[in-house]
Amino acid sequence: MLVEYYPTHPFDECILSWNSMRPEEQWRFWLSLHTPAGWSDWLLYAEWGATGQRTFQSDSPTAYTFQDTAHPKQGLADGLRVRVEGKNLSTDLKMIPCLSQLSQFGLQMPSSPLSLVTLPGFGRSQIALPHPHAHRLCSPTSVVNAIERLTKQKLDPLLFAQKVHDSGFDIYGNWVLNTAEAYCALGGAYRCYVTRLAHFEALHRYLLKRLPVVVSVKGELPGALLPYSEGHLLCVTGYCPEKGVLCIDPAYKTDEATQAHYPLRPFLEAWGQRKNLAYVFELDNIPKIGI
């Protein structure tokens, strides 16, 4: 059994990412939030291992989990405990909590002009995949697009989708299951985790390091194939002052059509609807908790 304790700043959402090579057995992740009422009961958060993966809906008098997030029921929490159960727990297991106050995220235009940056490479369409639920594969396809940018090698998106499928909720877009498998697919060479970036300048800094960023958007984007009335994941691969945000948008019907660009302000509005959610990939040490 491994127990971790993270005292931290106040938050109303916790997203717990982890990085480890997938174990041969199943590991179970439990969370407990500290609120003014004290520590919550242990809440079952996720199960992950060789035979599959899933997340849970767990409830206690003061906190709850649903899929990839945990929340206090009232007000703010100010502490997090994590417990991992399973055989042969890896000493290399690293946990990366994103602890946020969701009200702090809103539309924020860059304070100064941003430089041109592009990450060249090919793109994958989720719609072109021979899968009965291809329209639901935006998250794994976008992660594959990011991994292929980083490695310059092809990756099987259908196999990746199978390894991120959340059997508890029958979804492919579970954020933390996607980043956990990304770490494995990259052979542990990059830290892969879910976060909420404070602003677009923070995303731009990843691009300047030649690191793509997968983001969640919601709403209409000028020139997009669809109005994304629900959350949609795409891979940001650059920024151009004239064109805006350069993306691989997997919603297009062919691989060749996935190279897209969206004006900056509408992109920020759509990203802001999802509170600046991002999957990031980095070579640096795991950052401190929170934003």
C-alpha atoms as a PDB file:
ATOM      1  CA  MET A   1       0.000   0.000   0.000  1.00  0.00           C
ATOM      2  CA  LEU A   2       1.256   3.457  -0.885  1.00  0.00           C
ATOM      3  CA  VAL A   3      -0.105   6.554   0.843  1.00  0.00           C
ATOM      4  CA  GLU A   4       0.668  10.084  -0.312  1.00  0.00           C
ATOM      5  CA  TYR A   5      -0.385  13.315   1.382  1.00  0.00           C
ATOM      6  CA  TYR A   6      -0.456  16.693  -0.357  1.00  0.00           C
ATOM      7  CA  PRO A   7      -1.275  19.787   1.712  1.00  0.00           C
ATOM      8  CA  THR A   8      -2.110  22.513  -0.767  1.00  0.00           C
ATOM      9  CA  HIS A   9      -3.979  25.681  -1.652  1.00  0.00           C
ATOM     10  CA  PRO A  10      -7.821  25.684  -1.634  1.00  0.00           C
ATOM     11  CA  PHE A  11      -9.498  23.963  -4.580  1.00  0.00           C
ATOM     12  CA  ASP A  12     -12.915  22.764  -5.724  1.00  0.00           C
ATOM     13  CA  GLU A  13     -11.687  20.242  -8.308  1.00  0.00           C
ATOM     14  CA  CYS A  14      -9.007  17.563  -8.216  1.00  0.00           C
ATOM     15  CA  ILE A  15      -7.810  15.671 -11.286  1.00  0.00           C
ATOM     16  CA  LEU A  16      -5.247  13.011 -10.406  1.00  0.00           C
ATOM     17  CA  SER A  17      -2.908  11.873 -13.183  1.00  0.00           C
ATOM     18  CA  TRP A  18      -0.310   9.167 -12.669  1.00  0.00           C
ATOM     19  CA  ASN A  19       2.759   8.047 -14.599  1.00  0.00           C
ATOM     20  CA  SER A  20       4.009   4.468 -14.491  1.00  0.00           C
ATOM     21  CA  MET A  21       4.421   1.638 -16.907  1.00  0.00           C
ATOM     22  CA  ARG A  22       1.248  -0.447 -16.867  1.00  0.00           C
ATOM     23  CA  PRO A  23       1.448  -3.176 -14.211  1.00  0.00           C
ATOM     24  CA  GLU A  24       0.715  -6.848 -14.791  1.00  0.00           C
ATOM     25  CA  GLU A  25      -1.830  -6.743 -11.985  1.00  0.00           C
ATOM     26  CA  GLN A  26      -4.575  -4.211 -11.241  1.00  0.00           C
ATOM     27  CA  TRP A  27      -3.906  -1.123  -9.137  1.00  0.00           C
ATOM     28  CA  ARG A  28      -6.641   0.815  -7.370  1.00  0.00           C
ATOM     29  CA  PHE A  29      -6.419   4.550  -6.681  1.00  0.00           C
ATOM     30  CA  TRP A  30      -8.304   6.094  -3.763  1.00  0.00           C
ATOM     31  CA  LEU A  31      -8.661   9.779  -2.859  1.00  0.00           C
ATOM     32  CA  SER A  32      -9.581  11.648   0.303  1.00  0.00           C
ATOM     33  CA  LEU A  33     -10.174  15.412   0.386  1.00  0.00           C
ATOM     34  CA  HIS A  34      -9.669  17.638   3.412  1.00  0.00           C
ATOM     35  CA  THR A  35     -12.434  20.194   3.971  1.00  0.00           C
ATOM     36  CA  PRO A  36     -13.441  22.324   6.999  1.00  0.00           C
ATOM     37  CA  ALA A  37     -15.367  19.231   8.170  1.00  0.00           C
ATOM     38  CA  GLY A  38     -12.139  17.169   8.189  1.00  0.00           C
ATOM     39  CA  TRP A  39     -10.912  14.374   5.949  1.00  0.00           C
ATOM     40  CA  SER A  40     -13.504  12.753   3.729  1.00  0.00           C
ATOM     41  CA  ASP A  41     -13.972   9.017   3.533  1.00  0.00           C
ATOM     42  CA  TRP A  42     -11.674   7.239   1.082  1.00  0.00           C
ATOM     43  CA  LEU A  43     -13.236   7.515  -2.385  1.00  0.00           C
ATOM     44  CA  LEU A  44     -12.492   4.931  -5.060  1.00  0.00           C
ATOM     45  CA  TYR A  45     -11.153   6.866  -8.054  1.00  0.00           C
ATOM     46  CA  ALA A  46      -9.665   4.496 -10.651  1.00  0.00           C
ATOM     47  CA  GLU A  47      -8.556   0.971 -11.418  1.00  0.00           C
ATOM     48  CA  TRP A  48      -5.750   0.388 -13.902  1.00  0.00           C
ATOM     49  CA  GLY A  49      -3.634  -2.537 -15.002  1.00  0.00           C
ATOM     50  CA  ALA A  50      -3.058  -5.367 -17.431  1.00  0.00           C
ATOM     51  CA  THR A  51      -6.677  -6.480 -17.680  1.00  0.00           C
ATOM     52  CA  GLY A  52      -8.200  -3.049 -18.290  1.00  0.00           C
ATOM     53  CA  GLN A  53      -9.017   0.299 -16.761  1.00  0.00           C
ATOM     54  CA  ARG A  54     -11.976   2.141 -15.338  1.00  0.00           C
ATOM     55  CA  THR A  55     -12.948   5.064 -13.156  1.00  0.00           C
ATOM     56  CA  PHE A  56     -15.717   5.333 -10.595  1.00  0.00           C
ATOM     57  CA  GLN A  57     -18.523   7.419  -9.195  1.00  0.00           C
ATOM     58  CA  SER A  58     -17.922   7.473  -5.440  1.00  0.00           C
ATOM     59  CA  ASP A  59     -19.706   9.419  -2.738  1.00  0.00           C
ATOM     60  CA  SER A  60     -19.195  10.484   0.871  1.00  0.00           C
ATOM     61  CA  PRO A  61     -20.880  13.094   3.088  1.00  0.00           C
ATOM     62  CA  THR A  62     -18.282  15.753   2.203  1.00  0.00           C
ATOM     63  CA  ALA A  63     -16.767  14.816  -1.189  1.00  0.00           C
ATOM     64  CA  TYR A  64     -17.349  12.772  -4.309  1.00  0.00           C
ATOM     65  CA  THR A  65     -15.664  11.525  -7.477  1.00  0.00           C
ATOM     66  CA  PHE A  66     -17.068  11.203 -10.971  1.00  0.00           C
ATOM     67  CA  GLN A  67     -14.955   9.769 -13.802  1.00  0.00           C
ATOM     68  CA  ASP A  68     -11.717  11.773 -13.794  1.00  0.00           C
ATOM     69  CA  THR A  69     -12.518  14.442 -11.178  1.00  0.00           C
ATOM     70  CA  ALA A  70     -13.028  14.726  -7.426  1.00  0.00           C
ATOM     71  CA  HIS A  71     -14.801  17.593  -5.651  1.00  0.00           C
ATOM     72  CA  PRO A  72     -15.785  18.781  -2.192  1.00  0.00           C
ATOM     73  CA  LYS A  73     -19.562  18.926  -1.837  1.00  0.00           C
ATOM     74  CA  GLN A  74     -19.477  22.417  -0.350  1.00  0.00           C
ATOM     75  CA  GLY A  75     -16.948  25.199  -0.513  1.00  0.00           C
ATOM     76  CA  LEU A  76     -13.281  24.447  -0.995  1.00  0.00           C
ATOM     77  CA  ALA A  77     -10.955  21.645   0.007  1.00  0.00           C
ATOM     78  CA  ASP A  78      -7.410  22.358   1.181  1.00  0.00           C
ATOM     79  CA  GLY A  79      -5.769  18.947   1.267  1.00  0.00           C
ATOM     80  CA  LEU A  80      -5.525  15.737  -0.706  1.00  0.00           C
ATOM     81  CA  ARG A  81      -4.553  12.193   0.264  1.00  0.00           C
ATOM     82  CA  VAL A  82      -3.925   9.443  -2.282  1.00  0.00           C
ATOM     83  CA  ARG A  83      -3.823   5.728  -1.602  1.00  0.00           C
ATOM     84  CA  VAL A  84      -2.811   3.136  -4.175  1.00  0.00           C
ATOM     85  CA  GLU A  85      -3.525  -0.541  -3.619  1.00  0.00           C
ATOM     86  CA  GLY A  86      -2.041  -3.424  -5.578  1.00  0.00           C
ATOM     87  CA  LYS A  87       0.738  -5.956  -5.722  1.00  0.00           C
ATOM     88  CA  ASN A  88       4.251  -4.950  -6.724  1.00  0.00           C
ATOM     89  CA  LEU A  89       3.638  -1.213  -6.604  1.00  0.00           C
ATOM     90  CA  SER A  90       6.334   0.438  -8.683  1.00  0.00           C
ATOM     91  CA  THR A  91       8.794   2.742  -6.985  1.00  0.00           C
ATOM     92  CA  ASP A  92       8.679   4.745 -10.228  1.00  0.00           C
ATOM     93  CA  LEU A  93       4.956   5.513  -9.815  1.00  0.00           C
ATOM     94  CA  LYS A  94       4.496   9.269  -9.861  1.00  0.00           C
ATOM     95  CA  MET A  95       1.226  11.049  -9.190  1.00  0.00           C
ATOM     96  CA  ILE A  96       0.468  14.521 -10.512  1.00  0.00           C
ATOM     97  CA  PRO A  97      -2.603  16.200  -9.014  1.00  0.00           C
ATOM     98  CA  CYS A  98      -4.172  19.212 -10.711  1.00  0.00           C
ATOM     99  CA  LEU A  99      -5.998  21.169  -8.008  1.00  0.00           C
ATOM    100  CA  SER A 100      -8.074  24.050  -9.299  1.00  0.00           C
ATOM    101  CA  GLN A 101     -10.643  26.659  -8.411  1.00  0.00           C
ATOM    102  CA  LEU A 102     -12.780  26.504 -11.538  1.00  0.00           C
ATOM    103  CA  SER A 103     -14.138  30.040 -11.140  1.00  0.00           C
ATOM    104  CA  GLN A 104     -10.647  31.410 -11.815  1.00  0.00           C
ATOM    105  CA  PHE A 105     -10.674  30.303 -15.453  1.00  0.00           C
ATOM    106  CA  GLY A 106     -12.118  32.609 -18.068  1.00  0.00           C
ATOM    107  CA  LEU A 107     -11.346  34.304 -21.363  1.00  0.00           C
ATOM    108  CA  GLN A 108      -7.946  35.983 -21.205  1.00  0.00           C
ATOM    109  CA  MET A 109      -6.325  37.331 -24.352  1.00  0.00           C
ATOM    110  CA  PRO A 110      -2.506  37.358 -24.515  1.00  0.00           C
ATOM    111  CA  SER A 111      -0.994  40.455 -22.956  1.00  0.00           C
ATOM    112  CA  SER A 112       1.615  40.801 -25.735  1.00  0.00           C
ATOM    113  CA  PRO A 113       2.108  39.487 -29.289  1.00  0.00           C
ATOM    114  CA  LEU A 114       3.095  35.833 -29.569  1.00  0.00           C
ATOM    115  CA  SER A 115       5.665  34.484 -31.988  1.00  0.00           C
ATOM    116  CA  LEU A 116       5.072  32.109 -34.873  1.00  0.00           C
ATOM    117  CA  VAL A 117       5.655  28.454 -34.028  1.00  0.00           C
ATOM    118  CA  THR A 118       4.743  25.318 -35.968  1.00  0.00           C
ATOM    119  CA  LEU A 119       5.290  21.621 -35.308  1.00  0.00           C
ATOM    120  CA  PRO A 120       5.212  19.898 -38.713  1.00  0.00           C
ATOM    121  CA  GLY A 121       3.952  16.393 -39.238  1.00  0.00           C
ATOM    122  CA  PHE A 122       1.012  14.257 -40.314  1.00  0.00           C
ATOM    123  CA  GLY A 123      -2.451  14.071 -38.771  1.00  0.00           C
ATOM    124  CA  ARG A 124      -4.995  11.365 -37.979  1.00  0.00           C
ATOM    125  CA  SER A 125      -8.753  11.509 -38.482  1.00  0.00           C
ATOM    126  CA  GLN A 126     -10.904   9.749 -35.924  1.00  0.00           C
ATOM    127  CA  ILE A 127     -13.702   9.474 -38.500  1.00  0.00           C
ATOM    128  CA  ALA A 128     -11.439   7.562 -40.897  1.00  0.00           C
ATOM    129  CA  LEU A 129     -10.735   4.860 -38.310  1.00  0.00           C
ATOM    130  CA  PRO A 130     -12.444   1.485 -38.920  1.00  0.00           C
ATOM    131  CA  HIS A 131     -14.213   1.505 -35.549  1.00  0.00           C
ATOM    132  CA  PRO A 132     -17.955   1.335 -34.782  1.00  0.00           C
ATOM    133  CA  HIS A 133     -17.595   4.279 -32.384  1.00  0.00           C
ATOM    134  CA  ALA A 134     -15.148   6.384 -34.400  1.00  0.00           C
ATOM    135  CA  HIS A 135     -17.138   9.534 -33.634  1.00  0.00           C
ATOM    136  CA  ARG A 136     -16.300   9.033 -29.937  1.00  0.00           C
ATOM    137  CA  LEU A 137     -12.536   8.697 -30.397  1.00  0.00           C
ATOM    138  CA  CYS A 138     -11.441  12.355 -30.427  1.00  0.00           C
ATOM    139  CA  SER A 139      -9.392  12.024 -27.231  1.00  0.00           C
ATOM    140  CA  PRO A 140      -7.316   8.922 -28.069  1.00  0.00           C
ATOM    141  CA  THR A 141      -6.876  10.096 -31.674  1.00  0.00           C
ATOM    142  CA  SER A 142      -5.652  13.505 -30.506  1.00  0.00           C
ATOM    143  CA  VAL A 143      -3.221  11.882 -28.069  1.00  0.00           C
ATOM    144  CA  VAL A 144      -1.909   9.657 -30.861  1.00  0.00           C
ATOM    145  CA  ASN A 145      -1.460  12.770 -32.992  1.00  0.00           C
ATOM    146  CA  ALA A 146       0.602  14.329 -30.199  1.00  0.00           C
ATOM    147  CA  ILE A 147       2.686  11.182 -29.642  1.00  0.00           C
ATOM    148  CA  GLU A 148       3.413  10.876 -33.359  1.00  0.00           C
ATOM    149  CA  ARG A 149       4.595  14.509 -33.342  1.00  0.00           C
ATOM    150  CA  LEU A 150       6.960  13.708 -30.482  1.00  0.00           C
ATOM    151  CA  THR A 151       8.318  10.390 -31.766  1.00  0.00           C
ATOM    152  CA  LYS A 152       8.043  10.877 -35.556  1.00  0.00           C
ATOM    153  CA  GLN A 153       6.744   7.299 -35.655  1.00  0.00           C
ATOM    154  CA  LYS A 154       3.338   5.821 -36.462  1.00  0.00           C
ATOM    155  CA  LEU A 155       1.177   4.490 -33.649  1.00  0.00           C
ATOM    156  CA  ASP A 156      -1.935   2.324 -33.955  1.00  0.00           C
ATOM    157  CA  PRO A 157      -4.823   4.583 -32.814  1.00  0.00           C
ATOM    158  CA  LEU A 158      -7.254   1.673 -32.455  1.00  0.00           C
ATOM    159  CA  LEU A 159      -4.952  -0.168 -30.071  1.00  0.00           C
ATOM    160  CA  PHE A 160      -4.402   3.035 -28.134  1.00  0.00           C
ATOM    161  CA  ALA A 161      -8.175   3.605 -27.930  1.00  0.00           C
ATOM    162  CA  GLN A 162      -8.634   0.092 -26.562  1.00  0.00           C
ATOM    163  CA  LYS A 163      -6.098   0.822 -23.820  1.00  0.00           C
ATOM    164  CA  VAL A 164      -7.866   4.009 -22.685  1.00  0.00           C
ATOM    165  CA  HIS A 165     -11.443   2.742 -22.848  1.00  0.00           C
ATOM    166  CA  ASP A 166     -13.125   3.399 -19.495  1.00  0.00           C
ATOM    167  CA  SER A 167     -15.138   0.246 -18.911  1.00  0.00           C
ATOM    168  CA  GLY A 168     -16.933   1.840 -15.961  1.00  0.00           C
ATOM    169  CA  PHE A 169     -18.558   4.544 -18.071  1.00  0.00           C
ATOM    170  CA  ASP A 170     -18.038   3.102 -21.565  1.00  0.00           C
ATOM    171  CA  ILE A 171     -16.148   6.164 -22.772  1.00  0.00           C
ATOM    172  CA  TYR A 172     -12.858   6.738 -24.600  1.00  0.00           C
ATOM    173  CA  GLY A 173     -12.387  10.321 -23.463  1.00  0.00           C
ATOM    174  CA  ASN A 174     -11.449   9.811 -19.829  1.00  0.00           C
ATOM    175  CA  TRP A 175      -8.697  12.367 -19.355  1.00  0.00           C
ATOM    176  CA  VAL A 176      -6.460  10.586 -16.852  1.00  0.00           C
ATOM    177  CA  LEU A 177      -6.701   7.201 -18.576  1.00  0.00           C
ATOM    178  CA  ASN A 178      -5.533   8.861 -21.809  1.00  0.00           C
ATOM    179  CA  THR A 179      -2.490  10.490 -20.203  1.00  0.00           C
ATOM    180  CA  ALA A 180      -1.616   7.326 -18.261  1.00  0.00           C
ATOM    181  CA  GLU A 181      -1.488   5.334 -21.493  1.00  0.00           C
ATOM    182  CA  ALA A 182       0.381   8.149 -23.270  1.00  0.00           C
ATOM    183  CA  TYR A 183       3.176   7.783 -20.715  1.00  0.00           C
ATOM    184  CA  CYS A 184       3.371   4.062 -21.508  1.00  0.00           C
ATOM    185  CA  ALA A 185       3.254   4.608 -25.270  1.00  0.00           C
ATOM    186  CA  LEU A 186       6.129   7.087 -24.971  1.00  0.00           C
ATOM    187  CA  GLY A 187       8.174   4.583 -22.971  1.00  0.00           C
ATOM    188  CA  GLY A 188       8.359   6.865 -19.968  1.00  0.00           C
ATOM    189  CA  ALA A 189      10.351   9.465 -21.896  1.00  0.00           C
ATOM    190  CA  TYR A 190       7.830  12.247 -21.179  1.00  0.00           C
ATOM    191  CA  ARG A 191       5.706  13.226 -18.222  1.00  0.00           C
ATOM    192  CA  CYS A 192       2.087  13.075 -19.379  1.00  0.00           C
ATOM    193  CA  TYR A 193      -0.673  14.586 -17.295  1.00  0.00           C
ATOM    194  CA  VAL A 194      -3.913  16.543 -17.236  1.00  0.00           C
ATOM    195  CA  THR A 195      -3.881  20.164 -16.163  1.00  0.00           C
ATOM    196  CA  ARG A 196      -5.734  23.439 -16.532  1.00  0.00           C
ATOM    197  CA  LEU A 197      -3.432  26.042 -18.036  1.00  0.00           C
ATOM    198  CA  ALA A 198      -3.767  29.561 -16.706  1.00  0.00           C
ATOM    199  CA  HIS A 199      -3.695  31.200 -20.148  1.00  0.00           C
ATOM    200  CA  PHE A 200      -2.709  30.723 -23.772  1.00  0.00           C
ATOM    201  CA  GLU A 201       0.818  32.021 -23.141  1.00  0.00           C
ATOM    202  CA  ALA A 202       1.391  28.911 -21.002  1.00  0.00           C
ATOM    203  CA  LEU A 203       0.275  26.708 -23.896  1.00  0.00           C
ATOM    204  CA  HIS A 204       2.466  28.700 -26.300  1.00  0.00           C
ATOM    205  CA  ARG A 205       5.506  27.996 -24.115  1.00  0.00           C
ATOM    206  CA  TYR A 206       5.001  24.251 -24.643  1.00  0.00           C
ATOM    207  CA  LEU A 207       4.878  24.817 -28.411  1.00  0.00           C
ATOM    208  CA  LEU A 208       8.141  26.784 -28.273  1.00  0.00           C
ATOM    209  CA  LYS A 209       9.712  23.700 -26.647  1.00  0.00           C
ATOM    210  CA  ARG A 210       8.463  21.633 -29.626  1.00  0.00           C
ATOM    211  CA  LEU A 211       5.809  19.990 -27.448  1.00  0.00           C
ATOM    212  CA  PRO A 212       2.235  19.609 -28.752  1.00  0.00           C
ATOM    213  CA  VAL A 213      -0.685  20.140 -26.374  1.00  0.00           C
ATOM    214  CA  VAL A 214      -4.032  18.331 -26.478  1.00  0.00           C
ATOM    215  CA  VAL A 215      -6.934  20.574 -25.435  1.00  0.00           C
ATOM    216  CA  SER A 216     -10.656  20.245 -24.833  1.00  0.00           C
ATOM    217  CA  VAL A 217     -12.959  22.752 -26.532  1.00  0.00           C
ATOM    218  CA  LYS A 218     -16.700  23.342 -26.584  1.00  0.00           C
ATOM    219  CA  GLY A 219     -18.778  25.557 -28.859  1.00  0.00           C
ATOM    220  CA  GLU A 220     -18.436  26.910 -32.358  1.00  0.00           C
ATOM    221  CA  LEU A 221     -15.078  27.489 -34.021  1.00  0.00           C
ATOM    222  CA  PRO A 222     -15.076  29.471 -37.297  1.00  0.00           C
ATOM    223  CA  GLY A 223     -14.232  27.089 -40.120  1.00  0.00           C
ATOM    224  CA  ALA A 224     -14.670  23.922 -38.051  1.00  0.00           C
ATOM    225  CA  LEU A 225     -16.517  21.028 -39.603  1.00  0.00           C
ATOM    226  CA  LEU A 226     -18.976  20.832 -36.700  1.00  0.00           C
ATOM    227  CA  PRO A 227     -20.293  23.026 -33.885  1.00  0.00           C
ATOM    228  CA  TYR A 228     -18.797  21.239 -30.895  1.00  0.00           C
ATOM    229  CA  SER A 229     -21.805  21.352 -28.595  1.00  0.00           C
ATOM    230  CA  GLU A 230     -20.169  18.770 -26.336  1.00  0.00           C
ATOM    231  CA  GLY A 231     -16.535  18.549 -25.297  1.00  0.00           C
ATOM    232  CA  HIS A 232     -14.149  17.816 -28.176  1.00  0.00           C
ATOM    233  CA  LEU A 233     -10.414  17.092 -28.026  1.00  0.00           C
ATOM    234  CA  LEU A 234      -7.888  18.318 -30.586  1.00  0.00           C
ATOM    235  CA  CYS A 235      -4.108  18.592 -30.753  1.00  0.00           C
ATOM    236  CA  VAL A 236      -2.561  22.076 -30.865  1.00  0.00           C
ATOM    237  CA  THR A 237       0.562  22.093 -33.024  1.00  0.00           C
ATOM    238  CA  GLY A 238       1.356  25.768 -33.492  1.00  0.00           C
ATOM    239  CA  TYR A 239       0.412  29.404 -33.543  1.00  0.00           C
ATOM    240  CA  CYS A 240       0.444  31.881 -36.423  1.00  0.00           C
ATOM    241  CA  PRO A 241      -0.306  35.586 -35.823  1.00  0.00           C
ATOM    242  CA  GLU A 242      -2.215  35.735 -39.114  1.00  0.00           C
ATOM    243  CA  LYS A 243      -4.069  32.395 -38.986  1.00  0.00           C
ATOM    244  CA  GLY A 244      -4.466  31.825 -35.265  1.00  0.00           C
ATOM    245  CA  VAL A 245      -4.141  28.492 -33.456  1.00  0.00           C
ATOM    246  CA  LEU A 246      -2.837  25.631 -35.608  1.00  0.00           C
ATOM    247  CA  CYS A 247      -4.396  22.259 -34.790  1.00  0.00           C
ATOM    248  CA  ILE A 248      -4.874  18.698 -35.839  1.00  0.00           C
ATOM    249  CA  ASP A 249      -8.648  18.411 -35.558  1.00  0.00           C
ATOM    250  CA  PRO A 250      -9.565  14.705 -35.742  1.00  0.00           C
ATOM    251  CA  ALA A 251     -13.245  15.426 -36.505  1.00  0.00           C
ATOM    252  CA  TYR A 252     -12.474  15.842 -40.214  1.00  0.00           C
ATOM    253  CA  LYS A 253     -13.251  12.860 -42.420  1.00  0.00           C
ATOM    254  CA  THR A 254      -9.772  12.235 -43.842  1.00  0.00           C
ATOM    255  CA  ASP A 255      -6.248  12.381 -42.443  1.00  0.00           C
ATOM    256  CA  GLU A 256      -5.322  14.997 -45.038  1.00  0.00           C
ATOM    257  CA  ALA A 257      -8.142  17.312 -43.926  1.00  0.00           C
ATOM    258  CA  THR A 258      -7.245  17.343 -40.226  1.00  0.00           C
ATOM    259  CA  GLN A 259      -4.763  20.240 -40.499  1.00  0.00           C
ATOM    260  CA  ALA A 260      -6.869  23.161 -39.261  1.00  0.00           C
ATOM    261  CA  HIS A 261      -6.428  26.659 -37.912  1.00  0.00           C
ATOM    262  CA  TYR A 262      -8.838  28.675 -35.797  1.00  0.00           C
ATOM    263  CA  PRO A 263      -8.825  32.399 -34.947  1.00  0.00           C
ATOM    264  CA  LEU A 264      -7.340  33.037 -31.528  1.00  0.00           C
ATOM    265  CA  ARG A 265     -10.291  34.656 -29.746  1.00  0.00           C
ATOM    266  CA  PRO A 266     -12.927  32.057 -30.782  1.00  0.00           C
ATOM    267  CA  PHE A 267     -10.435  29.318 -29.888  1.00  0.00           C
ATOM    268  CA  LEU A 268      -9.915  30.841 -26.433  1.00  0.00           C
ATOM    269  CA  GLU A 269     -13.673  31.121 -25.953  1.00  0.00           C
ATOM    270  CA  ALA A 270     -14.191  27.452 -26.878  1.00  0.00           C
ATOM    271  CA  TRP A 271     -11.240  26.371 -24.716  1.00  0.00           C
ATOM    272  CA  GLY A 272     -12.522  28.558 -21.887  1.00  0.00           C
ATOM    273  CA  GLN A 273     -15.839  26.723 -22.004  1.00  0.00           C
ATOM    274  CA  ARG A 274     -13.808  23.698 -20.870  1.00  0.00           C
ATOM    275  CA  LYS A 275     -11.878  25.742 -18.274  1.00  0.00           C
ATOM    276  CA  ASN A 276      -8.581  25.547 -20.208  1.00  0.00           C
ATOM    277  CA  LEU A 277      -8.253  21.793 -19.871  1.00  0.00           C
ATOM    278  CA  ALA A 278      -5.101  20.354 -21.449  1.00  0.00           C
ATOM    279  CA  TYR A 279      -3.054  17.181 -21.695  1.00  0.00           C
ATOM    280  CA  VAL A 280       0.612  18.145 -21.578  1.00  0.00           C
ATOM    281  CA  PHE A 281       3.834  16.299 -22.373  1.00  0.00           C
ATOM    282  CA  GLU A 282       7.124  17.434 -20.916  1.00  0.00           C
ATOM    283  CA  LEU A 283      10.684  16.334 -20.249  1.00  0.00           C
ATOM    284  CA  ASP A 284      11.033  18.432 -17.112  1.00  0.00           C
ATOM    285  CA  ASN A 285      10.463  17.268 -13.532  1.00  0.00           C
ATOM    286  CA  ILE A 286       6.872  16.930 -12.395  1.00  0.00           C
ATOM    287  CA  PRO A 287       5.624  20.390 -11.366  1.00  0.00           C
ATOM    288  CA  LYS A 288       4.320  21.377  -7.973  1.00  0.00           C
ATOM    289  CA  ILE A 289       0.664  20.765  -7.270  1.00  0.00           C
ATOM    290  CA  GLY A 290      -1.874  23.122  -8.794  1.00  0.00           C
ATOM    291  CA  ILE A 291      -1.773  26.048 -11.137  1.00  0.00           C
END
